N, C-alpha and C. Protein backbone atom coordinates (compact mmCIF):
# COMPACT_ATOMS: atom_id res chain seq x y z
N MET A 1 -84.94 13.59 14.23
CA MET A 1 -84.79 13.85 15.49
C MET A 1 -84.15 12.69 16.24
N ARG A 2 -82.98 12.81 16.81
CA ARG A 2 -82.24 11.72 17.59
C ARG A 2 -82.93 11.32 18.83
N VAL A 3 -83.16 10.17 19.40
CA VAL A 3 -83.88 9.90 20.59
C VAL A 3 -82.99 9.51 21.61
N LEU A 4 -82.24 8.48 21.45
CA LEU A 4 -81.24 7.78 22.25
C LEU A 4 -80.34 7.01 21.53
N THR A 5 -79.18 6.59 22.17
CA THR A 5 -78.22 5.71 21.74
C THR A 5 -77.97 4.62 22.98
N GLU A 6 -77.90 3.45 22.54
CA GLU A 6 -77.71 2.32 23.27
C GLU A 6 -76.38 1.65 22.98
N TYR A 7 -75.96 0.94 23.87
CA TYR A 7 -74.57 0.34 23.60
C TYR A 7 -74.46 -1.15 24.09
N GLY A 8 -73.75 -2.03 23.28
CA GLY A 8 -73.77 -3.44 23.87
C GLY A 8 -72.40 -4.18 23.51
N MET A 9 -72.35 -5.12 23.89
CA MET A 9 -71.00 -5.93 23.69
C MET A 9 -71.38 -7.38 23.55
N GLY A 10 -70.69 -8.27 22.60
CA GLY A 10 -71.01 -9.61 22.50
C GLY A 10 -69.77 -10.25 22.09
N SER A 11 -69.78 -11.60 22.30
CA SER A 11 -68.57 -12.41 22.08
C SER A 11 -68.69 -13.60 21.34
N SER A 12 -67.99 -14.14 20.72
CA SER A 12 -67.71 -15.44 20.19
C SER A 12 -66.45 -16.15 20.88
N LEU A 13 -66.93 -17.13 21.85
CA LEU A 13 -65.84 -17.49 22.83
C LEU A 13 -65.18 -18.71 22.11
N ARG A 14 -65.57 -19.45 21.31
CA ARG A 14 -64.86 -20.53 20.95
C ARG A 14 -64.57 -20.74 19.28
N ARG A 15 -65.55 -19.93 18.47
CA ARG A 15 -65.26 -20.20 17.13
C ARG A 15 -64.71 -18.94 16.44
N GLY A 16 -64.70 -17.93 17.16
CA GLY A 16 -63.95 -16.64 16.58
C GLY A 16 -64.90 -16.03 15.40
N ASP A 17 -66.09 -16.20 15.58
CA ASP A 17 -67.13 -15.74 14.66
C ASP A 17 -67.40 -14.25 14.72
N GLN A 18 -67.00 -13.61 13.96
CA GLN A 18 -67.17 -12.16 13.90
C GLN A 18 -68.69 -11.62 14.02
N THR A 19 -69.32 -12.23 12.86
CA THR A 19 -70.83 -12.16 12.83
C THR A 19 -71.58 -12.33 14.26
N GLU A 20 -71.31 -13.60 14.62
CA GLU A 20 -71.89 -13.98 15.94
C GLU A 20 -71.57 -13.03 17.03
N ALA A 21 -70.41 -12.63 17.20
CA ALA A 21 -70.05 -11.68 18.33
C ALA A 21 -70.90 -10.34 18.10
N ALA A 22 -70.98 -9.87 16.73
CA ALA A 22 -71.52 -8.70 16.54
C ALA A 22 -73.27 -8.72 16.74
N ALA A 23 -73.74 -9.96 16.47
CA ALA A 23 -75.18 -10.28 16.62
C ALA A 23 -75.48 -10.25 18.05
N ARG A 24 -74.49 -10.91 19.01
CA ARG A 24 -74.91 -10.79 20.30
C ARG A 24 -74.71 -9.45 20.89
N GLY A 25 -73.82 -8.55 20.45
CA GLY A 25 -73.61 -7.24 20.78
C GLY A 25 -74.88 -6.52 20.69
N LEU A 26 -75.57 -6.55 19.58
CA LEU A 26 -76.75 -6.11 18.94
C LEU A 26 -77.89 -6.50 20.04
N ARG A 27 -78.10 -7.72 20.32
CA ARG A 27 -79.05 -8.37 21.16
C ARG A 27 -78.64 -7.75 22.69
N ASP A 28 -77.41 -7.55 23.03
CA ASP A 28 -77.20 -7.03 24.23
C ASP A 28 -77.85 -5.83 24.28
N ALA A 29 -77.37 -4.76 23.47
CA ALA A 29 -78.16 -3.46 23.43
C ALA A 29 -79.57 -3.32 23.44
N LEU A 30 -80.22 -4.22 22.47
CA LEU A 30 -81.66 -4.02 22.31
C LEU A 30 -82.45 -4.73 23.31
N TRP A 31 -81.95 -5.80 23.90
CA TRP A 31 -82.89 -6.62 24.73
C TRP A 31 -82.77 -6.13 26.35
N ARG A 32 -81.47 -5.32 26.62
CA ARG A 32 -81.29 -5.16 27.95
C ARG A 32 -82.18 -3.94 28.36
N ASN A 33 -82.79 -3.33 27.42
CA ASN A 33 -83.62 -2.06 27.94
C ASN A 33 -84.93 -2.30 27.15
N SER A 34 -86.02 -1.69 27.74
CA SER A 34 -87.41 -1.52 27.29
C SER A 34 -87.72 -0.23 27.14
N ILE A 35 -87.22 0.47 26.21
CA ILE A 35 -87.60 1.81 25.86
C ILE A 35 -88.37 1.76 24.75
N ARG A 36 -89.52 2.30 24.80
CA ARG A 36 -90.75 2.40 23.81
C ARG A 36 -90.73 3.72 22.96
N ALA A 37 -89.66 3.99 22.49
CA ALA A 37 -89.46 5.27 21.86
C ALA A 37 -90.42 5.71 20.90
N ALA A 38 -90.97 4.66 19.99
CA ALA A 38 -91.77 5.02 18.98
C ALA A 38 -93.27 5.39 19.57
N GLU A 39 -93.58 4.57 20.75
CA GLU A 39 -94.80 5.01 21.38
C GLU A 39 -94.86 6.26 22.14
N VAL A 40 -93.66 6.65 22.82
CA VAL A 40 -93.54 7.83 23.56
C VAL A 40 -93.62 8.99 22.72
N PHE A 41 -93.06 8.88 21.38
CA PHE A 41 -93.02 10.14 20.45
C PHE A 41 -94.24 10.04 19.49
N GLY A 42 -95.20 8.95 19.74
CA GLY A 42 -96.45 8.84 18.73
C GLY A 42 -96.22 8.44 17.38
N ARG A 43 -95.24 7.84 17.17
CA ARG A 43 -94.55 7.42 15.84
C ARG A 43 -94.86 5.77 15.90
N ALA A 44 -94.91 5.30 14.45
CA ALA A 44 -94.91 3.96 14.28
C ALA A 44 -93.56 3.30 14.28
N LYS A 45 -93.50 2.03 14.68
CA LYS A 45 -92.08 1.35 14.98
C LYS A 45 -91.28 1.24 13.70
N SER A 46 -92.14 1.21 12.54
CA SER A 46 -91.39 1.06 11.31
C SER A 46 -90.91 2.28 10.94
N GLU A 47 -91.13 3.32 11.55
CA GLU A 47 -90.57 4.79 11.24
C GLU A 47 -89.19 5.01 11.98
N MET A 48 -88.70 4.01 12.79
CA MET A 48 -87.51 4.16 13.58
C MET A 48 -86.43 3.92 12.58
N ARG A 49 -85.39 4.78 12.85
CA ARG A 49 -84.17 4.91 11.88
C ARG A 49 -83.15 4.49 13.10
N LEU A 50 -82.40 3.49 12.47
CA LEU A 50 -81.22 2.95 13.40
C LEU A 50 -79.96 3.01 12.79
N ALA A 51 -79.26 4.00 13.40
CA ALA A 51 -77.78 4.20 12.85
C ALA A 51 -76.96 3.16 13.92
N VAL A 52 -76.36 2.11 13.34
CA VAL A 52 -75.77 0.91 13.97
C VAL A 52 -74.22 1.05 13.66
N LYS A 53 -73.50 0.96 14.77
CA LYS A 53 -71.86 0.84 14.41
C LYS A 53 -71.44 -0.28 15.18
N VAL A 54 -70.84 -1.03 14.42
CA VAL A 54 -70.24 -2.36 14.95
C VAL A 54 -68.58 -2.44 14.86
N GLY A 55 -68.14 -2.67 15.91
CA GLY A 55 -66.53 -2.69 15.89
C GLY A 55 -66.06 -4.27 16.14
N VAL A 56 -65.49 -4.74 15.29
CA VAL A 56 -64.87 -6.03 15.58
C VAL A 56 -63.55 -6.15 14.85
N PRO A 57 -62.66 -7.11 15.41
CA PRO A 57 -61.34 -7.16 14.77
C PRO A 57 -61.15 -7.31 13.36
N VAL A 58 -62.09 -8.17 12.75
CA VAL A 58 -62.04 -8.28 11.27
C VAL A 58 -63.38 -8.12 10.68
N PRO A 59 -63.58 -6.68 10.16
CA PRO A 59 -64.82 -6.24 9.72
C PRO A 59 -65.32 -6.94 8.51
N GLU A 60 -64.28 -7.33 7.73
CA GLU A 60 -65.02 -7.80 6.18
C GLU A 60 -65.44 -9.38 6.41
N ASP A 61 -65.12 -9.93 7.74
CA ASP A 61 -65.87 -11.31 8.05
C ASP A 61 -67.20 -11.23 8.43
N VAL A 62 -67.73 -9.95 8.62
CA VAL A 62 -69.16 -9.87 9.31
C VAL A 62 -70.16 -9.90 8.16
N ASP A 63 -71.31 -10.66 8.38
CA ASP A 63 -72.43 -10.86 7.46
C ASP A 63 -73.32 -9.81 7.76
N VAL A 64 -73.47 -8.63 7.16
CA VAL A 64 -74.44 -7.50 7.44
C VAL A 64 -75.64 -7.95 7.22
N ALA A 65 -76.03 -8.74 6.36
CA ALA A 65 -77.45 -9.19 6.07
C ALA A 65 -77.89 -10.03 7.32
N ALA A 66 -77.02 -10.71 7.89
CA ALA A 66 -77.51 -11.60 9.05
C ALA A 66 -77.72 -10.58 10.37
N LEU A 67 -76.86 -9.55 10.40
CA LEU A 67 -77.09 -8.69 11.48
C LEU A 67 -78.45 -7.92 11.26
N ARG A 68 -78.93 -7.52 10.00
CA ARG A 68 -80.23 -6.80 9.81
C ARG A 68 -81.34 -7.66 10.32
N GLU A 69 -81.08 -9.07 10.46
CA GLU A 69 -82.18 -9.94 10.90
C GLU A 69 -82.49 -10.02 12.54
N VAL A 70 -81.48 -9.37 13.15
CA VAL A 70 -81.55 -9.15 14.60
C VAL A 70 -82.62 -8.20 14.83
N PHE A 71 -83.00 -7.21 14.22
CA PHE A 71 -83.83 -6.08 14.39
C PHE A 71 -85.12 -6.45 14.35
N PRO A 72 -86.05 -6.52 15.17
CA PRO A 72 -87.68 -6.77 15.03
C PRO A 72 -88.29 -5.63 14.15
N TYR A 73 -87.78 -4.34 14.16
CA TYR A 73 -88.67 -3.37 13.59
C TYR A 73 -87.54 -2.35 13.22
N GLY A 74 -87.83 -1.35 12.66
CA GLY A 74 -86.92 -0.25 12.32
C GLY A 74 -86.09 -0.52 10.88
N THR A 75 -85.49 0.54 10.57
CA THR A 75 -84.65 0.50 9.37
C THR A 75 -83.15 0.57 9.76
N PRO A 76 -82.34 -0.37 9.92
CA PRO A 76 -80.86 -0.46 10.42
C PRO A 76 -80.13 -0.01 9.24
N ASP A 77 -79.06 1.17 9.61
CA ASP A 77 -78.16 1.43 8.72
C ASP A 77 -77.00 0.91 9.42
N ILE A 78 -76.23 0.06 8.92
CA ILE A 78 -75.22 -0.77 9.75
C ILE A 78 -73.91 -0.52 9.16
N GLU A 79 -73.10 0.03 10.07
CA GLU A 79 -71.71 0.15 9.52
C GLU A 79 -70.57 -0.60 10.30
N VAL A 80 -69.85 -1.29 9.79
CA VAL A 80 -68.94 -2.20 10.43
C VAL A 80 -67.58 -1.80 10.30
N VAL A 81 -66.84 -1.67 11.48
CA VAL A 81 -65.54 -1.01 11.48
C VAL A 81 -64.59 -1.81 12.28
N GLU A 82 -63.36 -1.53 12.07
CA GLU A 82 -62.23 -2.26 12.86
C GLU A 82 -62.34 -1.84 14.30
N GLY A 83 -62.54 -2.93 15.44
CA GLY A 83 -62.42 -2.50 16.59
C GLY A 83 -62.66 -3.70 17.59
N GLY A 84 -63.38 -3.64 18.51
CA GLY A 84 -63.61 -4.85 19.47
C GLY A 84 -62.39 -5.31 20.00
N LEU A 85 -62.03 -6.66 20.16
CA LEU A 85 -61.15 -7.25 20.79
C LEU A 85 -61.02 -8.68 20.26
N SER A 86 -59.59 -9.22 20.18
CA SER A 86 -59.37 -10.52 19.75
C SER A 86 -58.44 -11.05 20.84
N VAL A 87 -58.67 -12.08 21.61
CA VAL A 87 -57.95 -12.70 22.56
C VAL A 87 -57.43 -14.02 22.19
N PRO A 88 -56.25 -14.38 22.08
CA PRO A 88 -55.96 -15.63 21.30
C PRO A 88 -56.16 -16.67 22.50
N HIS A 89 -56.41 -17.91 21.92
CA HIS A 89 -56.69 -18.93 22.66
C HIS A 89 -55.40 -19.35 23.72
N PRO A 90 -55.86 -19.73 24.71
CA PRO A 90 -54.59 -19.92 25.98
C PRO A 90 -53.53 -20.83 25.58
N THR A 91 -53.98 -21.87 24.78
CA THR A 91 -53.06 -22.90 24.35
C THR A 91 -52.21 -22.49 23.03
N GLY A 92 -52.76 -21.46 22.45
CA GLY A 92 -52.15 -21.00 21.29
C GLY A 92 -52.59 -21.72 19.96
N GLU A 93 -53.72 -22.68 20.20
CA GLU A 93 -54.22 -23.40 19.22
C GLU A 93 -55.78 -23.07 19.30
N GLY A 94 -56.52 -23.14 17.93
CA GLY A 94 -57.92 -22.95 18.03
C GLY A 94 -58.17 -21.55 17.62
N GLU A 95 -59.41 -21.20 17.80
CA GLU A 95 -59.88 -19.90 17.32
C GLU A 95 -59.63 -18.85 18.64
N ALA A 96 -59.51 -17.55 18.30
CA ALA A 96 -59.52 -16.77 19.29
C ALA A 96 -60.87 -16.22 19.98
N LEU A 97 -60.85 -15.77 21.13
CA LEU A 97 -62.06 -15.07 21.45
C LEU A 97 -62.30 -13.78 20.87
N VAL A 98 -63.40 -13.62 20.38
CA VAL A 98 -63.72 -12.23 19.64
C VAL A 98 -64.75 -11.58 20.56
N MET A 99 -64.64 -10.37 20.69
CA MET A 99 -65.60 -9.48 21.33
C MET A 99 -65.80 -8.33 20.40
N ALA A 100 -67.15 -8.02 20.22
CA ALA A 100 -67.71 -6.86 19.33
C ALA A 100 -68.21 -5.81 20.28
N ALA A 101 -67.99 -4.56 19.76
CA ALA A 101 -68.64 -3.46 20.44
C ALA A 101 -69.73 -2.84 19.48
N VAL A 102 -70.88 -2.39 20.20
CA VAL A 102 -71.84 -2.01 18.94
C VAL A 102 -72.41 -0.68 19.81
N SER A 103 -72.98 0.27 18.86
CA SER A 103 -73.81 1.24 19.39
C SER A 103 -75.10 1.24 18.49
N ILE A 104 -76.26 1.54 18.94
CA ILE A 104 -77.38 1.88 18.09
C ILE A 104 -78.17 3.10 18.51
N THR A 105 -78.18 3.92 17.47
CA THR A 105 -78.65 5.38 17.74
C THR A 105 -80.09 5.21 17.03
N VAL A 106 -81.21 5.65 17.86
CA VAL A 106 -82.56 5.53 17.45
C VAL A 106 -83.06 7.00 16.86
N SER A 107 -83.63 7.00 15.94
CA SER A 107 -84.00 8.60 15.43
C SER A 107 -85.46 8.40 14.65
N PHE A 108 -85.90 9.62 14.25
CA PHE A 108 -87.18 9.45 13.57
C PHE A 108 -86.84 10.64 12.70
N GLY A 109 -87.47 10.65 11.23
CA GLY A 109 -87.36 11.62 10.38
C GLY A 109 -86.28 11.65 9.31
N GLU A 110 -86.14 12.49 8.53
CA GLU A 110 -85.16 12.41 7.59
C GLU A 110 -83.93 13.23 7.98
N ASP A 111 -83.96 14.08 9.11
CA ASP A 111 -82.83 14.80 9.53
C ASP A 111 -82.16 13.91 10.68
N ALA A 112 -82.04 12.92 10.68
CA ALA A 112 -81.66 11.91 11.68
C ALA A 112 -79.93 11.74 11.67
């Protein structure tokens, strides 16, 4: 049973760090809301299944294990795809600003 989907955006302003931009996007989606889905449906937080999609300019540079650590509970299934945004440094030197777009769909049960 799908319950809700949350969206977030994160960035790495100076280092061009794809993982940090993605982690900030996840935190944006998670901490901006106070939805107690498990309690509302009488389920344990550990039963939450989290379908996570992360879009960044260079998906292969994302440390998925580091992203799993962002979640306080639930079982995240993380898919990283090409997306987000890369903005070149204004001087042409240094790392680009990287933006990540994320979605997190919360569900319970095997048919999620």
